[in-house]
Amino acid sequence: MRRKTALRLAVAAAGAAALVLGLAQGQYAETLSKAVYLCLECVGLG
């Protein structure tokens, strides 16, 4: 059971590190612009 918990914590830490790295590089702006474009395209406004 301890091994499973340790694995879960390691995966959570890796995910948090990837999130912080992406924020530090400014990747959120590109992702947000793509998401907005996709939504506008689906609605038919773009």
Protein backbone atom coordinates (compact mmCIF):
# COMPACT_ATOMS: atom_id res chain seq x y z
CA MET A 1 0.00 0.00 0.00
CA ARG A 2 2.88 2.37 0.73
CA ARG A 3 4.32 1.85 -2.72
CA LYS A 4 1.01 2.80 -4.34
CA THR A 5 0.80 5.96 -2.22
CA ALA A 6 4.39 6.89 -3.06
CA LEU A 7 3.68 6.40 -6.75
CA ARG A 8 0.61 8.61 -6.55
CA LEU A 9 2.57 11.34 -4.80
CA ALA A 10 5.35 11.12 -7.39
CA VAL A 11 2.87 11.43 -10.26
CA ALA A 12 1.15 14.37 -8.55
CA ALA A 13 4.51 16.09 -8.00
CA ALA A 14 5.48 15.56 -11.64
CA GLY A 15 2.15 17.03 -12.75
CA ALA A 16 2.56 20.05 -10.50
CA ALA A 17 6.10 20.59 -11.80
CA ALA A 18 4.89 20.42 -15.40
CA LEU A 19 2.13 22.92 -14.61
CA VAL A 20 4.56 25.36 -13.03
CA LEU A 21 7.01 24.98 -15.91
CA GLY A 22 4.27 25.66 -18.46
CA LEU A 23 3.12 28.75 -16.57
CA ALA A 24 6.69 30.02 -16.32
CA GLN A 25 7.14 29.67 -20.10
CA GLY A 26 3.88 31.47 -20.90
CA GLN A 27 2.23 28.47 -22.53
CA TYR A 28 -1.13 29.29 -20.95
CA ALA A 29 -1.66 32.24 -23.32
CA GLU A 30 -1.23 30.08 -26.41
CA THR A 31 -3.50 27.37 -25.03
CA LEU A 32 -6.16 29.91 -24.08
CA SER A 33 -6.12 31.52 -27.51
CA LYS A 34 -6.51 28.12 -29.20
CA ALA A 35 -9.40 27.25 -26.89
CA VAL A 36 -11.18 30.54 -27.59
CA TYR A 37 -10.71 30.09 -31.34
CA LEU A 38 -12.07 26.56 -31.17
CA CYS A 39 -15.15 27.68 -29.20
CA LEU A 40 -15.86 30.51 -31.59
CA GLU A 41 -15.49 28.15 -34.52
CA CYS A 42 -17.95 25.64 -33.01
CA VAL A 43 -20.53 28.34 -32.32
CA GLY A 44 -20.07 29.67 -35.83
CA LEU A 45 -18.88 33.17 -34.98
CA GLY A 46 -15.34 32.75 -36.32
